[in-house]
Amino acid sequence: MADINEQTRLQRRNKKVRRRRRIIKIFGLLGILGVLAVAVAAGYFLIQLSSVTADTQEELERGEKSDLRTEAVDLQEDNFSVLIMGVDDRDGSNLEGRTDAMVLATFNKDEKTVKTTSIPRDSLVNIPGRGEDKITHAHAYGGTDLAIESVENLFNIPVDYYIKLDFIAFVEIVDALGGIEVDSPLAFTEQDSESNPNAIQIEEGEQTLNGEEALAFVRMRKQDPRGDLGRGERQQIVIESLINKSASFSSINKFDDVFDSVRSNMRMNFTFGNLVSLQGYSRSLDDVESLQLGGTDATINGIYYYQLDQGSREEISETLTDHLEIEGTNAYMPEQPTSGSPSAGEAPVEEQPAETQAPVEQEEQPAEQESQPQSESSGEQTPYFSTVE
């Protein structure tokens, strides 16, 4: 009888362990910076998670529903999208600076699949109320709402939820998880989070990165011959690694470090109930497809831009519309460049936002692109639709 009771107890314990691991996987899906809020991978501590959610939840000015939706989504019934943003907060702007990374993730409930699209920070897009400018400036001009509206304009699909975190959170989360494993396509040196030059050395090939090294890995662009496209692919390598690490992470003692970092360095519009509803996606971890926006490097009035290819944008828009299973129209496409647009040879006029100081463009164009003509044909065209396996 004692043996039977012991066997029953072990079975129950194993079920709890499996359930905890499944919940860890659920929240790992959202842990993306490239971006990514992997801190919620500790979600099975329900009381702790509830407290963290209350501290980090920040509703959008638009309300809970996208203007491209007829009604708010139900995570138990509907497909949905999440915009993950890494914010450059080194100037102490309290998560209100430029976005250094943007990844749009769409979730399909029936297929249990996830598609992620990395949006290059220097992409020349239409920012509502601001005109043509780099998408990285949208958040600095108008906060989360304007960043989301700009992405919705870009693909003409609703952005239902968001997660944004700063460099501090990213570094501390990676360290709390004991580092992440990546296979780097190239070797390079990069500054650290305190702008110390050449402080970080990344080797080519497989290696384990700590938080500072992982941050350098997702931020470096100038030494990558593929520029923004290469950086986007490295961000998605980190996404996959964070998902895998959060799914297998078992050192419970470190979860307190994750929670502490998230409380002060992350914001999202997920409620506690939303996060609990996500457990149905635990089986989708092995089916995360990464998409890349094709485009051309362009130098306009001495400023570097990534000029998106219209065919690539249209195809990704259709792919995401199908994945969300929504009735979509043609994705937003700006009119052909005119003599007054940046893409025709004039740099955007950076007016002072009403409440936020205009982003200061400090980056020099990549060395590989310095002598390129100021036109759309100035760089090598990337494929219309690039899928990263």
Protein backbone atom coordinates (compact mmCIF):
# COMPACT_ATOMS: atom_id res chain seq x y z
CA MET A 1 0.00 0.00 0.00
CA ALA A 2 2.84 2.34 0.86
CA ASP A 3 4.45 1.57 -2.50
CA ILE A 4 1.21 2.43 -4.31
CA ASN A 5 0.89 5.72 -2.44
CA GLU A 6 4.51 6.56 -3.19
CA GLN A 7 3.99 5.75 -6.88
CA THR A 8 0.87 7.93 -7.00
CA ARG A 9 2.73 10.77 -5.30
CA LEU A 10 5.56 10.54 -7.82
CA GLN A 11 3.11 10.50 -10.73
CA ARG A 12 1.45 13.65 -9.43
CA ARG A 13 4.82 15.29 -8.92
CA ASN A 14 5.91 14.39 -12.45
CA LYS A 15 2.70 15.89 -13.84
CA LYS A 16 3.38 19.10 -11.94
CA VAL A 17 6.93 19.19 -13.27
CA ARG A 18 5.69 18.63 -16.84
CA ARG A 19 3.09 21.34 -16.37
CA ARG A 20 5.73 23.75 -15.03
CA ARG A 21 8.01 23.05 -17.96
CA ARG A 22 5.10 23.57 -20.36
CA ILE A 23 4.32 26.95 -18.79
CA ILE A 24 7.99 27.89 -18.97
CA LYS A 25 7.84 27.16 -22.71
CA ILE A 26 4.72 29.30 -23.09
CA PHE A 27 6.30 32.36 -21.65
CA GLY A 28 9.54 31.64 -23.42
CA LEU A 29 7.68 32.33 -26.67
CA LEU A 30 7.39 35.93 -25.58
CA GLY A 31 11.03 36.14 -24.55
CA ILE A 32 12.32 37.76 -27.72
CA LEU A 33 14.75 40.78 -28.33
CA GLY A 34 16.18 40.23 -30.04
CA VAL A 35 14.39 41.22 -28.28
CA LEU A 36 12.86 39.50 -25.79
CA ALA A 37 10.90 39.37 -22.60
CA VAL A 38 12.13 35.95 -21.54
CA ALA A 39 11.67 36.91 -17.92
CA VAL A 40 8.10 35.68 -18.05
CA ALA A 41 9.54 32.22 -18.57
CA ALA A 42 9.28 31.98 -14.80
CA GLY A 43 5.52 32.16 -15.04
CA TYR A 44 4.68 29.09 -13.03
CA PHE A 45 5.33 31.08 -9.88
CA LEU A 46 1.78 32.36 -10.22
CA ILE A 47 1.84 34.74 -7.29
CA GLN A 48 5.13 36.24 -8.39
CA LEU A 49 3.96 36.47 -11.98
CA SER A 50 0.76 38.22 -10.95
CA SER A 51 2.79 40.80 -9.05
CA VAL A 52 5.22 41.34 -11.92
CA THR A 53 2.37 41.71 -14.40
CA ALA A 54 0.77 44.40 -12.26
CA ASP A 55 4.09 46.27 -12.07
CA THR A 56 4.86 46.08 -15.79
CA GLN A 57 1.42 46.40 -17.37
CA GLU A 58 0.95 49.63 -19.31
CA GLU A 59 -2.15 50.09 -21.45
CA LEU A 60 -2.05 51.82 -24.81
CA GLU A 61 -3.74 55.17 -25.40
CA ARG A 62 -5.81 53.54 -28.15
CA GLY A 63 -7.27 51.08 -25.65
CA GLU A 64 -7.14 47.29 -25.77
CA LYS A 65 -8.27 47.00 -29.41
CA SER A 66 -6.32 47.82 -32.56
CA ASP A 67 -8.06 50.15 -35.00
CA LEU A 68 -7.67 47.35 -37.55
CA ARG A 69 -9.83 45.03 -35.42
CA THR A 70 -13.60 45.10 -35.12
CA GLU A 71 -13.28 43.82 -31.56
CA ALA A 72 -10.55 43.00 -29.05
CA VAL A 73 -8.90 39.61 -29.45
CA ASP A 74 -9.55 36.70 -27.11
CA LEU A 75 -6.30 34.77 -26.63
CA GLN A 76 -8.22 31.55 -26.06
CA GLU A 77 -10.13 31.90 -29.34
CA ASP A 78 -8.25 34.18 -31.73
CA ASN A 79 -4.94 34.42 -33.52
CA PHE A 80 -2.96 37.44 -32.39
CA SER A 81 0.21 39.46 -32.87
CA VAL A 82 2.88 40.85 -30.53
CA LEU A 83 5.40 43.62 -31.22
CA ILE A 84 8.60 43.17 -29.20
CA MET A 85 10.81 46.25 -28.88
CA GLY A 86 14.28 46.73 -27.49
CA VAL A 87 14.59 50.38 -26.44
CA ASP A 88 17.82 52.37 -26.40
CA ASP A 89 17.55 53.75 -22.86
CA ARG A 90 21.16 54.70 -22.20
CA ASP A 91 20.22 58.37 -21.81
CA GLY A 92 17.88 57.55 -18.91
CA SER A 93 14.74 58.20 -20.93
CA ASN A 94 12.75 55.58 -18.97
CA LEU A 95 11.88 53.34 -21.93
CA GLU A 96 10.96 56.32 -24.11
CA GLY A 97 13.98 56.45 -26.45
CA ARG A 98 14.54 55.06 -29.92
CA THR A 99 13.94 51.38 -30.60
CA ASP A 100 17.13 49.49 -31.32
CA ALA A 101 15.29 46.28 -32.22
CA MET A 102 11.75 45.53 -33.39
CA VAL A 103 10.38 42.02 -33.93
CA LEU A 104 6.77 41.37 -34.92
CA ALA A 105 5.48 37.92 -33.90
CA THR A 106 2.20 36.40 -35.09
CA PHE A 107 0.56 33.41 -33.40
CA ASN A 108 -1.87 30.96 -35.04
CA LYS A 109 -3.93 29.06 -32.47
CA ASP A 110 -4.98 26.13 -34.68
CA GLU A 111 -1.62 25.49 -36.30
CA LYS A 112 0.19 26.23 -33.02
CA THR A 113 2.77 28.11 -35.06
CA VAL A 114 4.66 31.36 -34.61
CA LYS A 115 6.12 33.61 -37.30
CA THR A 116 8.60 36.35 -36.43
CA THR A 117 9.59 39.27 -38.66
CA SER A 118 12.59 41.42 -37.79
CA ILE A 119 12.16 45.08 -38.83
CA PRO A 120 15.51 46.80 -39.47
CA ARG A 121 15.80 49.88 -37.25
CA ASP A 122 16.90 52.12 -40.14
CA SER A 123 13.98 51.14 -42.40
CA LEU A 124 12.57 54.16 -44.23
CA VAL A 125 8.82 54.10 -43.51
CA ASN A 126 5.85 56.40 -43.16
CA ILE A 127 5.43 57.45 -39.52
CA PRO A 128 1.87 58.75 -39.05
CA GLY A 129 1.91 62.49 -38.50
CA ARG A 130 5.66 62.68 -39.12
CA GLY A 131 6.16 61.61 -42.73
CA GLU A 132 8.98 59.47 -44.11
CA ASP A 133 11.61 58.65 -41.49
CA LYS A 134 13.51 55.77 -39.89
CA ILE A 135 11.19 53.45 -38.01
CA THR A 136 13.53 53.61 -35.00
CA HIS A 137 12.39 57.23 -34.47
CA ALA A 138 8.67 56.40 -34.16
CA HIS A 139 8.92 55.36 -30.52
CA ALA A 140 10.96 58.44 -29.57
CA TYR A 141 8.47 60.74 -31.31
CA GLY A 142 5.24 59.23 -29.98
CA GLY A 143 5.94 56.35 -27.62
CA THR A 144 4.55 52.84 -27.88
CA ASP A 145 1.33 53.89 -29.62
CA LEU A 146 3.12 55.59 -32.52
CA ALA A 147 5.60 52.72 -32.88
CA ILE A 148 2.71 50.26 -33.09
CA GLU A 149 0.78 52.45 -35.53
CA SER A 150 3.86 52.68 -37.76
CA VAL A 151 4.21 48.88 -37.84
CA GLU A 152 0.48 48.48 -38.54
CA ASN A 153 0.87 50.91 -41.46
CA LEU A 154 3.87 48.98 -42.72
CA PHE A 155 2.09 45.61 -42.97
CA ASN A 156 -1.59 46.57 -42.66
CA ILE A 157 -2.19 43.99 -39.95
CA PRO A 158 -3.27 44.66 -36.35
CA VAL A 159 -0.69 44.72 -33.56
CA ASP A 160 -2.61 43.38 -30.58
CA TYR A 161 0.02 43.29 -27.85
CA TYR A 162 3.47 44.66 -27.18
CA ILE A 163 6.47 44.00 -24.97
CA LYS A 164 9.29 46.50 -24.63
CA LEU A 165 12.44 46.25 -22.56
CA ASP A 166 15.72 48.12 -22.29
CA PHE A 167 19.32 46.99 -22.51
CA ILE A 168 19.58 46.54 -18.75
CA ALA A 169 16.71 44.05 -18.71
CA PHE A 170 18.11 42.15 -21.67
CA VAL A 171 21.59 41.82 -20.15
CA GLU A 172 20.29 40.80 -16.72
CA ILE A 173 17.78 38.32 -18.12
CA VAL A 174 20.42 36.54 -20.22
CA ASP A 175 22.75 36.41 -17.22
CA ALA A 176 19.96 35.12 -14.97
CA LEU A 177 19.40 32.29 -17.43
CA GLY A 178 23.08 31.38 -17.29
CA GLY A 179 23.87 32.69 -20.78
CA ILE A 180 22.63 31.59 -24.20
CA GLU A 181 24.13 29.41 -26.92
CA VAL A 182 24.54 30.86 -30.42
CA ASP A 183 26.28 29.95 -33.66
CA SER A 184 27.78 33.24 -34.86
CA PRO A 185 28.15 33.63 -38.64
CA LEU A 186 31.15 35.95 -38.19
CA ALA A 187 33.76 37.19 -35.71
CA PHE A 188 33.78 40.82 -34.56
CA THR A 189 34.50 43.19 -31.69
CA GLU A 190 31.91 45.61 -30.32
CA GLN A 191 31.43 48.15 -27.55
CA ASP A 192 29.71 47.12 -24.32
CA SER A 193 26.57 48.64 -22.78
CA GLU A 194 28.66 51.47 -21.29
CA SER A 195 30.07 52.36 -24.73
CA ASN A 196 33.59 51.08 -24.00
CA PRO A 197 35.05 50.43 -27.49
CA ASN A 198 36.08 46.90 -28.49
CA ALA A 199 35.18 45.60 -25.03
CA ILE A 200 33.31 42.59 -26.42
CA GLN A 201 34.90 39.90 -28.57
CA ILE A 202 32.60 37.54 -30.49
CA GLU A 203 34.14 34.52 -32.22
CA GLU A 204 32.81 32.84 -35.32
CA GLY A 205 30.97 29.59 -34.62
CA GLU A 206 29.23 28.03 -31.64
CA GLN A 207 29.69 29.65 -28.23
CA THR A 208 27.92 30.63 -25.01
CA LEU A 209 27.27 34.35 -24.55
CA ASN A 210 26.68 36.21 -21.31
CA GLY A 211 24.34 39.20 -21.17
CA GLU A 212 26.84 41.83 -22.35
CA GLU A 213 28.04 39.59 -25.17
CA ALA A 214 24.49 38.76 -26.25
CA LEU A 215 23.66 42.48 -26.36
CA ALA A 216 26.67 43.14 -28.61
CA PHE A 217 25.66 40.18 -30.77
CA VAL A 218 22.18 41.61 -31.50
CA ARG A 219 23.26 45.25 -31.87
CA MET A 220 26.33 45.17 -34.13
CA ARG A 221 25.75 46.27 -37.74
CA LYS A 222 28.74 48.13 -39.17
CA GLN A 223 31.09 45.13 -39.28
CA ASP A 224 28.49 42.87 -40.86
CA PRO A 225 28.74 42.90 -44.68
CA ARG A 226 24.97 42.36 -44.76
CA GLY A 227 24.26 45.41 -42.61
CA ASP A 228 20.75 45.61 -41.14
CA LEU A 229 19.75 42.30 -42.73
CA GLY A 230 22.61 40.50 -40.98
CA ARG A 231 21.76 42.15 -37.68
CA GLY A 232 18.13 41.09 -38.04
CA GLU A 233 19.15 37.49 -38.58
CA ARG A 234 21.39 37.58 -35.50
CA GLN A 235 18.50 38.95 -33.46
CA GLN A 236 16.43 35.98 -34.58
CA ILE A 237 19.24 33.58 -33.64
CA VAL A 238 19.03 35.03 -30.13
CA ILE A 239 15.24 34.67 -30.16
CA GLU A 240 15.53 30.96 -30.87
CA SER A 241 18.26 30.51 -28.26
CA LEU A 242 16.23 32.31 -25.59
CA ILE A 243 13.20 30.18 -26.37
CA ASN A 244 15.24 26.99 -26.09
CA LYS A 245 16.97 28.12 -22.89
CA SER A 246 13.76 29.21 -21.18
CA ALA A 247 12.13 25.91 -22.15
CA SER A 248 14.85 23.87 -20.44
CA PHE A 249 15.87 26.24 -17.64
CA SER A 250 15.69 24.48 -14.26
CA SER A 251 17.71 26.65 -11.85
CA ILE A 252 14.79 28.01 -9.83
CA ASN A 253 17.04 30.15 -7.64
CA LYS A 254 17.77 32.50 -10.55
CA PHE A 255 14.15 33.32 -11.33
CA ASP A 256 14.11 35.99 -8.62
CA ASP A 257 16.82 37.82 -10.58
CA VAL A 258 14.66 37.68 -13.70
CA PHE A 259 11.62 39.05 -11.89
CA ASP A 260 13.59 41.87 -10.27
CA SER A 261 14.97 43.00 -13.62
CA VAL A 262 11.63 42.80 -15.39
CA ARG A 263 9.79 44.90 -12.80
CA SER A 264 11.83 48.03 -13.50
CA ASN A 265 13.00 47.52 -17.06
CA MET A 266 10.06 46.13 -19.03
CA ARG A 267 6.55 47.22 -20.04
CA MET A 268 3.75 45.30 -21.74
CA ASN A 269 -0.02 45.36 -22.18
CA PHE A 270 -0.51 41.68 -21.32
CA THR A 271 -2.65 41.02 -18.28
CA PHE A 272 -2.06 38.13 -15.91
CA GLY A 273 -5.10 36.41 -17.42
CA ASN A 274 -3.65 36.87 -20.92
CA LEU A 275 -0.42 35.13 -19.93
CA VAL A 276 -2.23 32.22 -18.35
CA SER A 277 -4.27 31.83 -21.57
CA LEU A 278 -1.12 31.30 -23.62
CA GLN A 279 -0.39 27.76 -22.47
CA GLY A 280 -1.97 26.37 -25.64
CA TYR A 281 1.06 27.55 -27.57
CA SER A 282 3.50 25.38 -25.65
CA ARG A 283 3.57 22.88 -28.51
CA SER A 284 4.61 25.56 -31.03
CA LEU A 285 8.16 25.92 -29.78
CA ASP A 286 9.56 23.71 -32.51
CA ASP A 287 7.73 25.63 -35.25
CA VAL A 288 8.93 29.21 -35.11
CA GLU A 289 9.51 30.59 -38.61
CA SER A 290 11.68 33.67 -39.07
CA LEU A 291 10.99 36.08 -41.93
CA GLN A 292 13.27 38.81 -43.27
CA LEU A 293 12.32 42.05 -45.04
CA GLY A 294 14.28 42.51 -48.24
CA GLY A 295 15.62 45.94 -49.11
CA THR A 296 18.42 48.16 -50.35
CA ASP A 297 21.08 50.18 -48.55
CA ALA A 298 20.74 53.87 -49.36
CA THR A 299 22.67 57.00 -48.39
CA ILE A 300 20.59 60.18 -48.49
CA ASN A 301 22.20 63.51 -47.62
CA GLY A 302 24.91 61.67 -45.73
CA ILE A 303 22.45 59.61 -43.66
CA TYR A 304 22.12 55.84 -43.98
CA TYR A 305 18.70 54.28 -44.59
CA TYR A 306 17.46 50.77 -45.29
CA GLN A 307 15.05 51.20 -48.19
CA LEU A 308 12.51 48.38 -48.01
CA ASP A 309 11.64 46.46 -51.15
CA GLN A 310 7.96 46.81 -51.99
CA GLY A 311 7.66 43.24 -53.25
CA SER A 312 9.15 41.87 -50.03
CA ARG A 313 6.88 44.01 -47.90
CA GLU A 314 3.77 42.98 -49.85
CA GLU A 315 4.63 39.30 -49.63
CA ILE A 316 5.32 39.39 -45.89
CA SER A 317 2.11 41.37 -45.37
CA GLU A 318 0.15 38.67 -47.19
CA THR A 319 1.94 35.92 -45.27
CA LEU A 320 1.14 37.49 -41.89
CA THR A 321 -2.45 38.26 -42.94
CA ASP A 322 -2.91 34.59 -43.85
CA HIS A 323 -1.23 33.45 -40.63
CA LEU A 324 -3.59 35.60 -38.56
CA GLU A 325 -6.50 34.43 -40.76
CA ILE A 326 -7.92 37.93 -41.06
CA GLU A 327 -9.60 39.74 -43.92
CA GLY A 328 -6.76 41.93 -45.15
CA THR A 329 -6.44 44.59 -47.83
CA ASN A 330 -3.29 45.62 -49.61
CA ALA A 331 -0.60 46.50 -47.12
CA TYR A 332 0.28 50.16 -46.71
CA MET A 333 2.54 51.24 -49.53
CA PRO A 334 3.81 54.83 -49.74
CA GLU A 335 3.50 56.67 -53.01
CA GLN A 336 6.49 56.69 -55.31
CA PRO A 337 9.23 59.01 -54.00
CA THR A 338 8.82 62.62 -54.97
CA SER A 339 11.35 65.41 -55.01
CA GLY A 340 10.46 66.24 -51.42
CA SER A 341 10.84 62.78 -49.90
CA PRO A 342 13.99 61.41 -48.25
CA SER A 343 14.06 58.47 -50.65
CA ALA A 344 14.34 60.89 -53.55
CA GLY A 345 17.42 62.56 -52.14
CA GLU A 346 16.36 64.74 -49.21
CA ALA A 347 16.89 63.85 -45.57
CA PRO A 348 13.78 63.94 -43.39
CA VAL A 349 13.17 67.09 -41.42
CA GLU A 350 13.37 66.13 -37.76
CA GLU A 351 10.97 68.45 -35.99
CA GLN A 352 10.83 68.58 -32.24
CA PRO A 353 8.04 66.31 -30.94
CA ALA A 354 5.62 68.05 -28.63
CA GLU A 355 6.84 66.27 -25.50
CA THR A 356 9.84 64.24 -26.61
CA GLN A 357 13.18 65.49 -27.85
CA ALA A 358 13.76 64.56 -31.45
CA PRO A 359 16.02 61.56 -32.00
CA VAL A 360 19.58 62.59 -32.70
CA GLU A 361 21.11 60.69 -35.59
CA GLN A 362 24.59 59.88 -34.36
CA GLU A 363 25.41 56.77 -36.32
CA GLU A 364 27.69 57.04 -39.29
CA GLN A 365 26.86 55.02 -42.34
CA PRO A 366 28.59 51.62 -42.45
CA ALA A 367 32.11 51.74 -43.85
CA GLU A 368 31.10 49.33 -46.59
CA GLN A 369 28.45 51.79 -47.81
CA GLU A 370 30.27 55.14 -47.63
CA SER A 371 30.86 55.53 -51.34
CA GLN A 372 27.47 54.28 -52.53
CA PRO A 373 25.30 56.54 -54.70
CA GLN A 374 22.27 58.19 -53.13
CA SER A 375 19.66 56.13 -54.87
CA GLU A 376 17.68 52.98 -54.45
CA SER A 377 20.15 51.10 -56.59
CA SER A 378 23.00 52.02 -54.28
CA GLY A 379 23.14 48.69 -52.55
CA GLU A 380 22.83 45.02 -53.35
CA GLN A 381 19.19 43.98 -53.54
CA THR A 382 18.25 41.31 -51.02
CA PRO A 383 15.69 38.65 -51.97
CA TYR A 384 12.03 39.68 -52.01
CA PHE A 385 11.14 37.20 -49.32
CA SER A 386 13.86 35.65 -47.20
CA THR A 387 12.98 32.88 -44.76
CA VAL A 388 15.46 31.99 -42.02
CA GLU A 389 15.14 28.42 -40.90
